[in-house]
Amino acid sequence: MKKIVVVFSGGMDSATLLWHLAAAGNALKAVTFNYGQRHVRELDAASALCARLGVEHVTVDLTSITPLLGENSLSGRSVEVPEGHYEEESMKLTIVPNRNMIMLSIAIGWALSNQYEAVAYGAHSGDHAIYPDCRPEFAAAMDQAARLCDWREIELMRPFVHLDKGDIARIGHELGVPFELTWTCYKGGDRHCGRCGACQERREAFGKHGIADPVEYA
């Protein structure tokens, strides 16, 4: 058993990660970040999921640095959310510069202050081409930095880094993850839009193994 802080977005990947680590008997805390997203649906989802599993959960307000992160379709307001399948050029509009390093650094600090042994995040192989901070090379470098940033070593866990989102959907289904509580859509609203790249990828992930997606789409 390990004591692990999970970087938790409230999406299907991080929810599956949380359930996966809990099923292995680990002691968990979860941290979610408000970095000025277009909506709070994923923050609400993270809170509901952690309450369901009985995991201590905190939300960190990073909105003071939102203006420093430039214009993009997630934390900016002047760039529209691209629709359709993930394509390199259009989906680059969804990159929030250095987001994972910022979040992981804070999570590592919290873990160290609690005498925890590891931080985990849900990067997967489908993210590699578009999001540089989801690449195995980035995760390996952050793991090395985490081991050097304090007198006590801490590990960066990324158990899904070689899996695709379809495999994550299958694992989550087998673990009984309440996917109806998760939020994926970049646009927010009452229901998932079904048109943005995140929604498209989610639908394809569930379809890969013939699993029904319990969320509603517009």
C-alpha atoms as a PDB file:
ATOM      1  CA  MET A   1       0.000   0.000   0.000  1.00  0.00           C
ATOM      2  CA  LYS A   2       1.173   3.508  -0.845  1.00  0.00           C
ATOM      3  CA  LYS A   3       0.055   6.960   0.207  1.00  0.00           C
ATOM      4  CA  ILE A   4      -0.726   8.799  -3.037  1.00  0.00           C
ATOM      5  CA  VAL A   5      -1.962  12.238  -4.055  1.00  0.00           C
ATOM      6  CA  VAL A   6      -3.985  12.018  -7.274  1.00  0.00           C
ATOM      7  CA  VAL A   7      -4.183  14.968  -9.672  1.00  0.00           C
ATOM      8  CA  PHE A   8      -7.887  14.761 -10.330  1.00  0.00           C
ATOM      9  CA  SER A   9      -9.758  16.543 -13.121  1.00  0.00           C
ATOM     10  CA  GLY A  10     -13.155  14.880 -12.729  1.00  0.00           C
ATOM     11  CA  GLY A  11     -12.895  13.296 -16.177  1.00  0.00           C
ATOM     12  CA  MET A  12     -13.089   9.622 -17.102  1.00  0.00           C
ATOM     13  CA  ASP A  13      -9.306   9.103 -17.105  1.00  0.00           C
ATOM     14  CA  SER A  14      -8.649  10.527 -13.654  1.00  0.00           C
ATOM     15  CA  ALA A  15     -11.783   8.838 -12.258  1.00  0.00           C
ATOM     16  CA  THR A  16     -10.563   5.479 -13.524  1.00  0.00           C
ATOM     17  CA  LEU A  17      -7.141   6.219 -12.051  1.00  0.00           C
ATOM     18  CA  LEU A  18      -8.665   7.025  -8.661  1.00  0.00           C
ATOM     19  CA  TRP A  19     -10.750   3.826  -8.617  1.00  0.00           C
ATOM     20  CA  HIS A  20      -7.766   1.786  -9.872  1.00  0.00           C
ATOM     21  CA  LEU A  21      -5.514   3.036  -7.080  1.00  0.00           C
ATOM     22  CA  ALA A  22      -8.246   2.624  -4.450  1.00  0.00           C
ATOM     23  CA  ALA A  23      -8.888  -0.955  -5.550  1.00  0.00           C
ATOM     24  CA  ALA A  24      -5.220  -1.711  -4.928  1.00  0.00           C
ATOM     25  CA  GLY A  25      -5.636  -0.635  -1.305  1.00  0.00           C
ATOM     26  CA  ASN A  26      -3.730   2.643  -1.451  1.00  0.00           C
ATOM     27  CA  ALA A  27      -4.406   5.592   0.853  1.00  0.00           C
ATOM     28  CA  LEU A  28      -5.480   8.485  -1.357  1.00  0.00           C
ATOM     29  CA  LYS A  29      -5.960  12.234  -1.402  1.00  0.00           C
ATOM     30  CA  ALA A  30      -7.147  14.076  -4.528  1.00  0.00           C
ATOM     31  CA  VAL A  31      -6.393  17.588  -5.731  1.00  0.00           C
ATOM     32  CA  THR A  32      -8.285  19.475  -8.446  1.00  0.00           C
ATOM     33  CA  PHE A  33      -7.236  22.771 -10.028  1.00  0.00           C
ATOM     34  CA  ASN A  34      -9.303  25.745 -11.076  1.00  0.00           C
ATOM     35  CA  TYR A  35      -7.034  27.404 -13.638  1.00  0.00           C
ATOM     36  CA  GLY A  36      -9.777  29.541 -15.190  1.00  0.00           C
ATOM     37  CA  GLN A  37     -11.552  26.880 -17.235  1.00  0.00           C
ATOM     38  CA  ARG A  38     -14.565  27.923 -19.305  1.00  0.00           C
ATOM     39  CA  HIS A  39     -16.875  26.139 -16.876  1.00  0.00           C
ATOM     40  CA  VAL A  40     -16.948  24.494 -13.447  1.00  0.00           C
ATOM     41  CA  ARG A  41     -18.615  21.266 -14.504  1.00  0.00           C
ATOM     42  CA  GLU A  42     -15.417  19.267 -14.168  1.00  0.00           C
ATOM     43  CA  LEU A  43     -14.731  20.790 -10.750  1.00  0.00           C
ATOM     44  CA  ASP A  44     -18.204  19.746  -9.586  1.00  0.00           C
ATOM     45  CA  ALA A  45     -17.662  16.293 -11.077  1.00  0.00           C
ATOM     46  CA  ALA A  46     -14.377  15.894  -9.211  1.00  0.00           C
ATOM     47  CA  SER A  47     -16.046  16.778  -5.922  1.00  0.00           C
ATOM     48  CA  ALA A  48     -18.930  14.352  -6.500  1.00  0.00           C
ATOM     49  CA  LEU A  49     -16.628  11.492  -7.485  1.00  0.00           C
ATOM     50  CA  CYS A  50     -14.369  11.915  -4.469  1.00  0.00           C
ATOM     51  CA  ALA A  51     -17.410  12.055  -2.185  1.00  0.00           C
ATOM     52  CA  ARG A  52     -18.674   8.812  -3.733  1.00  0.00           C
ATOM     53  CA  LEU A  53     -15.386   7.076  -3.005  1.00  0.00           C
ATOM     54  CA  GLY A  54     -14.789   8.764   0.354  1.00  0.00           C
ATOM     55  CA  VAL A  55     -11.483  10.338  -0.692  1.00  0.00           C
ATOM     56  CA  GLU A  56     -10.274  13.612   0.817  1.00  0.00           C
ATOM     57  CA  HIS A  57     -10.465  16.244  -1.912  1.00  0.00           C
ATOM     58  CA  VAL A  58      -9.239  19.818  -2.240  1.00  0.00           C
ATOM     59  CA  THR A  59      -9.648  22.326  -5.073  1.00  0.00           C
ATOM     60  CA  VAL A  60      -6.804  24.782  -5.630  1.00  0.00           C
ATOM     61  CA  ASP A  61      -7.614  28.212  -7.085  1.00  0.00           C
ATOM     62  CA  LEU A  62      -5.067  29.126  -9.758  1.00  0.00           C
ATOM     63  CA  THR A  63      -7.166  31.797 -11.428  1.00  0.00           C
ATOM     64  CA  SER A  64      -4.702  34.515 -10.471  1.00  0.00           C
ATOM     65  CA  ILE A  65      -2.262  33.081 -13.030  1.00  0.00           C
ATOM     66  CA  THR A  66      -4.832  32.581 -15.812  1.00  0.00           C
ATOM     67  CA  PRO A  67      -3.787  35.809 -17.597  1.00  0.00           C
ATOM     68  CA  LEU A  68      -0.219  34.494 -17.732  1.00  0.00           C
ATOM     69  CA  LEU A  69      -1.243  31.401 -19.689  1.00  0.00           C
ATOM     70  CA  GLY A  70      -2.067  33.214 -22.912  1.00  0.00           C
ATOM     71  CA  GLU A  71      -4.988  32.718 -25.247  1.00  0.00           C
ATOM     72  CA  ASN A  72      -6.234  29.173 -25.718  1.00  0.00           C
ATOM     73  CA  SER A  73      -9.682  27.645 -25.938  1.00  0.00           C
ATOM     74  CA  LEU A  74      -9.709  26.232 -22.394  1.00  0.00           C
ATOM     75  CA  SER A  75      -8.598  29.064 -20.115  1.00  0.00           C
ATOM     76  CA  GLY A  76      -9.027  31.885 -22.629  1.00  0.00           C
ATOM     77  CA  ARG A  77     -12.269  33.357 -23.896  1.00  0.00           C
ATOM     78  CA  SER A  78     -11.292  34.805 -27.258  1.00  0.00           C
ATOM     79  CA  VAL A  79     -10.483  31.409 -28.828  1.00  0.00           C
ATOM     80  CA  GLU A  80     -13.386  29.134 -29.694  1.00  0.00           C
ATOM     81  CA  VAL A  81     -13.341  25.461 -28.716  1.00  0.00           C
ATOM     82  CA  PRO A  82     -12.521  23.466 -31.875  1.00  0.00           C
ATOM     83  CA  GLU A  83     -14.984  20.809 -32.944  1.00  0.00           C
ATOM     84  CA  GLY A  84     -14.458  17.459 -34.620  1.00  0.00           C
ATOM     85  CA  HIS A  85     -11.885  14.723 -34.135  1.00  0.00           C
ATOM     86  CA  TYR A  86      -8.558  15.468 -32.580  1.00  0.00           C
ATOM     87  CA  GLU A  87      -6.359  16.975 -35.275  1.00  0.00           C
ATOM     88  CA  GLU A  88      -2.935  18.342 -34.424  1.00  0.00           C
ATOM     89  CA  GLU A  89      -3.401  21.898 -35.644  1.00  0.00           C
ATOM     90  CA  SER A  90      -6.908  22.531 -34.340  1.00  0.00           C
ATOM     91  CA  MET A  91      -6.370  20.802 -31.004  1.00  0.00           C
ATOM     92  CA  LYS A  92      -3.231  22.833 -30.319  1.00  0.00           C
ATOM     93  CA  LEU A  93      -5.741  25.570 -29.529  1.00  0.00           C
ATOM     94  CA  THR A  94      -6.641  23.588 -26.383  1.00  0.00           C
ATOM     95  CA  ILE A  95      -3.099  23.557 -24.986  1.00  0.00           C
ATOM     96  CA  VAL A  96      -2.712  25.470 -21.716  1.00  0.00           C
ATOM     97  CA  PRO A  97       1.045  26.152 -21.536  1.00  0.00           C
ATOM     98  CA  ASN A  98       2.877  24.040 -18.960  1.00  0.00           C
ATOM     99  CA  ARG A  99      -0.388  23.128 -17.226  1.00  0.00           C
ATOM    100  CA  ASN A 100       0.653  19.692 -16.040  1.00  0.00           C
ATOM    101  CA  MET A 101       3.992  20.864 -14.661  1.00  0.00           C
ATOM    102  CA  ILE A 102       2.265  23.592 -12.667  1.00  0.00           C
ATOM    103  CA  MET A 103      -0.329  21.194 -11.281  1.00  0.00           C
ATOM    104  CA  LEU A 104       2.116  18.393 -10.597  1.00  0.00           C
ATOM    105  CA  SER A 105       4.471  20.751  -8.760  1.00  0.00           C
ATOM    106  CA  ILE A 106       1.698  21.795  -6.372  1.00  0.00           C
ATOM    107  CA  ALA A 107       0.516  18.214  -5.930  1.00  0.00           C
ATOM    108  CA  ILE A 108       4.083  17.114  -5.144  1.00  0.00           C
ATOM    109  CA  GLY A 109       4.388  19.843  -2.519  1.00  0.00           C
ATOM    110  CA  TRP A 110       1.120  18.766  -0.892  1.00  0.00           C
ATOM    111  CA  ALA A 111       2.189  15.132  -0.946  1.00  0.00           C
ATOM    112  CA  LEU A 112       5.530  15.930   0.662  1.00  0.00           C
ATOM    113  CA  SER A 113       3.878  18.016   3.382  1.00  0.00           C
ATOM    114  CA  ASN A 114       1.631  15.056   4.210  1.00  0.00           C
ATOM    115  CA  GLN A 115       4.490  12.537   4.192  1.00  0.00           C
ATOM    116  CA  TYR A 116       2.950  10.822   1.154  1.00  0.00           C
ATOM    117  CA  GLU A 117       5.066   8.665  -1.126  1.00  0.00           C
ATOM    118  CA  ALA A 118       3.760   9.428  -4.595  1.00  0.00           C
ATOM    119  CA  VAL A 119       1.728  11.645  -6.909  1.00  0.00           C
ATOM    120  CA  ALA A 120      -0.304  10.100  -9.737  1.00  0.00           C
ATOM    121  CA  TYR A 121      -1.873  11.530 -12.881  1.00  0.00           C
ATOM    122  CA  GLY A 122      -3.829  10.003 -15.741  1.00  0.00           C
ATOM    123  CA  ALA A 123      -1.810  10.796 -18.872  1.00  0.00           C
ATOM    124  CA  HIS A 124      -2.441   8.231 -21.626  1.00  0.00           C
ATOM    125  CA  SER A 125      -1.047   7.397 -25.055  1.00  0.00           C
ATOM    126  CA  GLY A 126      -3.803   9.226 -26.944  1.00  0.00           C
ATOM    127  CA  ASP A 127      -2.577  12.532 -25.506  1.00  0.00           C
ATOM    128  CA  HIS A 128       1.043  12.194 -26.558  1.00  0.00           C
ATOM    129  CA  ALA A 129       0.885  13.703 -30.045  1.00  0.00           C
ATOM    130  CA  ILE A 130      -0.943  16.872 -29.018  1.00  0.00           C
ATOM    131  CA  TYR A 131      -0.095  17.518 -25.377  1.00  0.00           C
ATOM    132  CA  PRO A 132       3.675  17.624 -24.762  1.00  0.00           C
ATOM    133  CA  ASP A 133       3.192  17.388 -20.982  1.00  0.00           C
ATOM    134  CA  CYS A 134       1.522  13.986 -21.371  1.00  0.00           C
ATOM    135  CA  ARG A 135       4.473  12.362 -23.136  1.00  0.00           C
ATOM    136  CA  PRO A 136       6.377   9.562 -21.370  1.00  0.00           C
ATOM    137  CA  GLU A 137       9.547  11.661 -21.689  1.00  0.00           C
ATOM    138  CA  PHE A 138       7.941  14.543 -19.797  1.00  0.00           C
ATOM    139  CA  ALA A 139       6.582  12.239 -17.096  1.00  0.00           C
ATOM    140  CA  ALA A 140       9.995  10.581 -16.692  1.00  0.00           C
ATOM    141  CA  ALA A 141      11.667  13.980 -16.342  1.00  0.00           C
ATOM    142  CA  MET A 142       9.081  15.106 -13.774  1.00  0.00           C
ATOM    143  CA  ASP A 143       9.550  11.876 -11.858  1.00  0.00           C
ATOM    144  CA  GLN A 144      13.279  12.550 -11.695  1.00  0.00           C
ATOM    145  CA  ALA A 145      12.680  16.148 -10.607  1.00  0.00           C
ATOM    146  CA  ALA A 146      10.259  14.990  -7.904  1.00  0.00           C
ATOM    147  CA  ARG A 147      12.889  12.650  -6.527  1.00  0.00           C
ATOM    148  CA  LEU A 148      15.354  15.551  -6.319  1.00  0.00           C
ATOM    149  CA  CYS A 149      13.143  18.425  -5.141  1.00  0.00           C
ATOM    150  CA  ASP A 150      13.203  17.454  -1.457  1.00  0.00           C
ATOM    151  CA  TRP A 151      15.438  15.527   0.919  1.00  0.00           C
ATOM    152  CA  ARG A 152      12.813  12.793   0.834  1.00  0.00           C
ATOM    153  CA  GLU A 153      12.175  11.155  -2.542  1.00  0.00           C
ATOM    154  CA  ILE A 154       8.691  11.098  -3.990  1.00  0.00           C
ATOM    155  CA  GLU A 155       7.504   9.120  -7.022  1.00  0.00           C
ATOM    156  CA  LEU A 156       5.435  10.331  -9.982  1.00  0.00           C
ATOM    157  CA  MET A 157       3.080   7.531 -11.018  1.00  0.00           C
ATOM    158  CA  ARG A 158       1.518   7.417 -14.496  1.00  0.00           C
ATOM    159  CA  PRO A 159       0.081   3.898 -14.849  1.00  0.00           C
ATOM    160  CA  PHE A 160      -1.962   4.656 -17.990  1.00  0.00           C
ATOM    161  CA  VAL A 161       0.778   6.346 -19.994  1.00  0.00           C
ATOM    162  CA  HIS A 162       1.009   3.437 -22.460  1.00  0.00           C
ATOM    163  CA  LEU A 163      -2.762   2.790 -22.685  1.00  0.00           C
ATOM    164  CA  ASP A 164      -5.303   4.460 -24.940  1.00  0.00           C
ATOM    165  CA  LYS A 165      -8.586   5.964 -23.790  1.00  0.00           C
ATOM    166  CA  GLY A 166     -10.553   2.896 -24.911  1.00  0.00           C
ATOM    167  CA  ASP A 167      -8.485   0.716 -22.601  1.00  0.00           C
ATOM    168  CA  ILE A 168      -9.094   3.203 -19.777  1.00  0.00           C
ATOM    169  CA  ALA A 169     -12.856   3.012 -20.414  1.00  0.00           C
ATOM    170  CA  ARG A 170     -12.668  -0.779 -20.210  1.00  0.00           C
ATOM    171  CA  ILE A 171     -10.674  -0.720 -16.956  1.00  0.00           C
ATOM    172  CA  GLY A 172     -13.068   1.808 -15.449  1.00  0.00           C
ATOM    173  CA  HIS A 173     -16.079  -0.249 -16.487  1.00  0.00           C
ATOM    174  CA  GLU A 174     -14.592  -3.334 -14.847  1.00  0.00           C
ATOM    175  CA  LEU A 175     -13.899  -1.348 -11.663  1.00  0.00           C
ATOM    176  CA  GLY A 176     -17.436   0.030 -11.529  1.00  0.00           C
ATOM    177  CA  VAL A 177     -16.449   3.666 -12.004  1.00  0.00           C
ATOM    178  CA  PRO A 178     -19.637   5.818 -11.972  1.00  0.00           C
ATOM    179  CA  PHE A 179     -18.931   7.335 -15.380  1.00  0.00           C
ATOM    180  CA  GLU A 180     -22.243   9.176 -15.238  1.00  0.00           C
ATOM    181  CA  LEU A 181     -20.633  11.502 -12.683  1.00  0.00           C
ATOM    182  CA  THR A 182     -17.605  12.314 -14.838  1.00  0.00           C
ATOM    183  CA  TRP A 183     -17.286  15.360 -17.094  1.00  0.00           C
ATOM    184  CA  THR A 184     -15.296  15.496 -20.326  1.00  0.00           C
ATOM    185  CA  CYS A 185     -16.739  18.216 -22.582  1.00  0.00           C
ATOM    186  CA  TYR A 186     -14.623  21.315 -23.160  1.00  0.00           C
ATOM    187  CA  LYS A 187     -17.681  23.523 -23.603  1.00  0.00           C
ATOM    188  CA  GLY A 188     -19.617  22.945 -20.380  1.00  0.00           C
ATOM    189  CA  GLY A 189     -23.377  23.404 -20.370  1.00  0.00           C
ATOM    190  CA  ASP A 190     -26.126  21.107 -19.157  1.00  0.00           C
ATOM    191  CA  ARG A 191     -25.006  18.190 -21.325  1.00  0.00           C
ATOM    192  CA  HIS A 192     -21.874  17.098 -23.158  1.00  0.00           C
ATOM    193  CA  CYS A 193     -21.856  18.843 -26.540  1.00  0.00           C
ATOM    194  CA  GLY A 194     -20.824  15.707 -28.450  1.00  0.00           C
ATOM    195  CA  ARG A 195     -18.931  17.818 -31.001  1.00  0.00           C
ATOM    196  CA  CYS A 196     -15.682  18.984 -29.386  1.00  0.00           C
ATOM    197  CA  GLY A 197     -12.558  16.855 -29.653  1.00  0.00           C
ATOM    198  CA  ALA A 198     -12.841  15.712 -26.044  1.00  0.00           C
ATOM    199  CA  CYS A 199     -16.414  14.488 -26.545  1.00  0.00           C
ATOM    200  CA  GLN A 200     -15.512  12.781 -29.811  1.00  0.00           C
ATOM    201  CA  GLU A 201     -12.602  10.971 -28.169  1.00  0.00           C
ATOM    202  CA  ARG A 202     -14.777   9.921 -25.229  1.00  0.00           C
ATOM    203  CA  ARG A 203     -17.468   8.457 -27.483  1.00  0.00           C
ATOM    204  CA  GLU A 204     -14.868   6.537 -29.469  1.00  0.00           C
ATOM    205  CA  ALA A 205     -13.264   5.249 -26.263  1.00  0.00           C
ATOM    206  CA  PHE A 206     -16.505   3.722 -25.007  1.00  0.00           C
ATOM    207  CA  GLY A 207     -17.310   2.400 -28.462  1.00  0.00           C
ATOM    208  CA  LYS A 208     -13.985   0.573 -28.766  1.00  0.00           C
ATOM    209  CA  HIS A 209     -15.134  -2.099 -26.307  1.00  0.00           C
ATOM    210  CA  GLY A 210     -18.886  -1.751 -26.822  1.00  0.00           C
ATOM    211  CA  ILE A 211     -19.443  -0.061 -23.462  1.00  0.00           C
ATOM    212  CA  ALA A 212     -22.448   2.211 -23.048  1.00  0.00           C
ATOM    213  CA  ASP A 213     -21.542   5.792 -22.128  1.00  0.00           C
ATOM    214  CA  PRO A 214     -24.025   6.883 -19.440  1.00  0.00           C
ATOM    215  CA  VAL A 215     -23.737  10.651 -19.978  1.00  0.00           C
ATOM    216  CA  GLU A 216     -26.170  12.610 -22.143  1.00  0.00           C
ATOM    217  CA  TYR A 217     -25.049  14.382 -25.290  1.00  0.00           C
ATOM    218  CA  ALA A 218     -26.709  17.416 -26.845  1.00  0.00           C
END
